[in-house]
Amino acid sequence: MASKETTRMIFQSMIALASAALGLVAALAWNDAIKETIKLLMADDESLTSKYLYAILATAIAVIVVLILARLAAKVGGEAAIAREAEG
């Protein structure tokens, strides 16, 4: 019979894996949405320029979202996934 600690560790692992899987699904959905938006704005252009524009836009969105989430985590007293070295 599994101990309470083992059961708790299994449960925490299942939550972490499910959260990661749902995060991947959401990321892929945003990936498609951003790609289609750029295609629409650039008249269905598949050039290298549109691919770089997509990469820059996706990176900017990711950075903004991570910074917002880090601030929210700090407000509720949690640990942010990234530490801001400039704040010392």
C-alpha atoms as a PDB file:
ATOM      1  CA  MET A   1       0.000   0.000   0.000  1.00  0.00           C
ATOM      2  CA  ALA A   2       1.340   3.434  -0.903  1.00  0.00           C
ATOM      3  CA  SER A   3       2.087   5.880   1.849  1.00  0.00           C
ATOM      4  CA  LYS A   4       0.376   9.264   2.080  1.00  0.00           C
ATOM      5  CA  GLU A   5       3.617  10.963   0.977  1.00  0.00           C
ATOM      6  CA  THR A   6       3.868   8.782  -2.132  1.00  0.00           C
ATOM      7  CA  THR A   7       0.215   9.386  -2.985  1.00  0.00           C
ATOM      8  CA  ARG A   8       0.704  13.135  -2.537  1.00  0.00           C
ATOM      9  CA  MET A   9       3.794  13.107  -4.794  1.00  0.00           C
ATOM     10  CA  ILE A  10       1.918  11.178  -7.494  1.00  0.00           C
ATOM     11  CA  PHE A  11      -1.009  13.587  -7.284  1.00  0.00           C
ATOM     12  CA  GLN A  12       1.306  16.621  -7.517  1.00  0.00           C
ATOM     13  CA  SER A  13       3.061  15.078 -10.525  1.00  0.00           C
ATOM     14  CA  MET A  14      -0.268  14.470 -12.264  1.00  0.00           C
ATOM     15  CA  ILE A  15      -1.286  18.097 -11.675  1.00  0.00           C
ATOM     16  CA  ALA A  16       2.056  19.354 -13.030  1.00  0.00           C
ATOM     17  CA  LEU A  17       1.828  17.152 -16.130  1.00  0.00           C
ATOM     18  CA  ALA A  18      -1.784  18.140 -16.820  1.00  0.00           C
ATOM     19  CA  SER A  19      -0.910  21.821 -16.396  1.00  0.00           C
ATOM     20  CA  ALA A  20       2.018  21.496 -18.805  1.00  0.00           C
ATOM     21  CA  ALA A  21      -0.144  19.692 -21.358  1.00  0.00           C
ATOM     22  CA  LEU A  22      -2.857  22.348 -21.177  1.00  0.00           C
ATOM     23  CA  GLY A  23      -0.204  25.060 -21.471  1.00  0.00           C
ATOM     24  CA  LEU A  24       1.108  23.409 -24.633  1.00  0.00           C
ATOM     25  CA  VAL A  25      -2.392  23.245 -26.124  1.00  0.00           C
ATOM     26  CA  ALA A  26      -2.917  26.944 -25.380  1.00  0.00           C
ATOM     27  CA  ALA A  27       0.501  27.838 -26.839  1.00  0.00           C
ATOM     28  CA  LEU A  28      -0.252  25.946 -30.044  1.00  0.00           C
ATOM     29  CA  ALA A  29      -3.621  27.688 -30.348  1.00  0.00           C
ATOM     30  CA  TRP A  30      -1.960  31.103 -29.948  1.00  0.00           C
ATOM     31  CA  ASN A  31       0.702  30.040 -32.438  1.00  0.00           C
ATOM     32  CA  ASP A  32      -1.962  29.355 -35.070  1.00  0.00           C
ATOM     33  CA  ALA A  33      -3.830  32.570 -34.289  1.00  0.00           C
ATOM     34  CA  ILE A  34      -0.711  34.738 -34.600  1.00  0.00           C
ATOM     35  CA  LYS A  35       0.360  33.014 -37.832  1.00  0.00           C
ATOM     36  CA  GLU A  36      -3.043  33.499 -39.424  1.00  0.00           C
ATOM     37  CA  THR A  37      -3.177  37.141 -38.325  1.00  0.00           C
ATOM     38  CA  ILE A  38       0.184  37.852 -39.948  1.00  0.00           C
ATOM     39  CA  LYS A  39      -0.908  36.039 -43.106  1.00  0.00           C
ATOM     40  CA  LEU A  40      -4.026  38.185 -43.201  1.00  0.00           C
ATOM     41  CA  LEU A  41      -2.104  41.420 -42.614  1.00  0.00           C
ATOM     42  CA  MET A  42       0.555  40.558 -45.196  1.00  0.00           C
ATOM     43  CA  ALA A  43      -1.896  39.341 -47.860  1.00  0.00           C
ATOM     44  CA  ASP A  44      -1.102  35.637 -47.397  1.00  0.00           C
ATOM     45  CA  ASP A  45       2.624  36.288 -47.866  1.00  0.00           C
ATOM     46  CA  GLU A  46       4.849  33.280 -47.084  1.00  0.00           C
ATOM     47  CA  SER A  47       8.125  35.172 -47.470  1.00  0.00           C
ATOM     48  CA  LEU A  48      11.063  35.181 -45.118  1.00  0.00           C
ATOM     49  CA  THR A  49      10.036  38.665 -43.996  1.00  0.00           C
ATOM     50  CA  SER A  50       6.666  37.402 -42.769  1.00  0.00           C
ATOM     51  CA  LYS A  51       8.351  34.545 -40.904  1.00  0.00           C
ATOM     52  CA  TYR A  52      10.671  36.968 -39.099  1.00  0.00           C
ATOM     53  CA  LEU A  53       7.746  39.262 -38.340  1.00  0.00           C
ATOM     54  CA  TYR A  54       5.929  36.297 -36.823  1.00  0.00           C
ATOM     55  CA  ALA A  55       8.986  35.320 -34.746  1.00  0.00           C
ATOM     56  CA  ILE A  56       9.431  38.866 -33.439  1.00  0.00           C
ATOM     57  CA  LEU A  57       5.734  39.244 -32.628  1.00  0.00           C
ATOM     58  CA  ALA A  58       5.556  35.849 -30.892  1.00  0.00           C
ATOM     59  CA  THR A  59       8.655  36.677 -28.826  1.00  0.00           C
ATOM     60  CA  ALA A  60       7.292  40.088 -27.821  1.00  0.00           C
ATOM     61  CA  ILE A  61       3.967  38.564 -26.749  1.00  0.00           C
ATOM     62  CA  ALA A  62       5.760  35.844 -24.748  1.00  0.00           C
ATOM     63  CA  VAL A  63       7.952  38.374 -22.934  1.00  0.00           C
ATOM     64  CA  ILE A  64       4.981  40.601 -22.089  1.00  0.00           C
ATOM     65  CA  VAL A  65       2.907  37.690 -20.790  1.00  0.00           C
ATOM     66  CA  VAL A  66       5.790  36.349 -18.655  1.00  0.00           C
ATOM     67  CA  LEU A  67       6.397  39.795 -17.139  1.00  0.00           C
ATOM     68  CA  ILE A  68       2.686  40.230 -16.355  1.00  0.00           C
ATOM     69  CA  LEU A  69       2.549  36.788 -14.752  1.00  0.00           C
ATOM     70  CA  ALA A  70       5.696  37.510 -12.713  1.00  0.00           C
ATOM     71  CA  ARG A  71       4.128  40.724 -11.392  1.00  0.00           C
ATOM     72  CA  LEU A  72       0.907  38.896 -10.528  1.00  0.00           C
ATOM     73  CA  ALA A  73       2.867  36.190  -8.727  1.00  0.00           C
ATOM     74  CA  ALA A  74       4.744  38.843  -6.739  1.00  0.00           C
ATOM     75  CA  LYS A  75       1.455  40.563  -5.773  1.00  0.00           C
ATOM     76  CA  VAL A  76      -0.036  37.378  -4.378  1.00  0.00           C
ATOM     77  CA  GLY A  77       3.170  36.532  -2.549  1.00  0.00           C
ATOM     78  CA  GLY A  78       4.336  33.716  -4.766  1.00  0.00           C
ATOM     79  CA  GLU A  79       7.715  33.134  -6.280  1.00  0.00           C
ATOM     80  CA  ALA A  80       8.106  34.329  -9.862  1.00  0.00           C
ATOM     81  CA  ALA A  81       9.658  31.918 -12.316  1.00  0.00           C
ATOM     82  CA  ILE A  82      12.185  34.568 -13.308  1.00  0.00           C
ATOM     83  CA  ALA A  83      14.021  36.953 -11.024  1.00  0.00           C
ATOM     84  CA  ARG A  84      14.739  40.495 -12.069  1.00  0.00           C
ATOM     85  CA  GLU A  85      18.429  41.078 -11.440  1.00  0.00           C
ATOM     86  CA  ALA A  86      18.152  44.835 -11.955  1.00  0.00           C
ATOM     87  CA  GLU A  87      15.968  45.168  -8.856  1.00  0.00           C
ATOM     88  CA  GLY A  88      18.728  43.566  -6.764  1.00  0.00           C
END
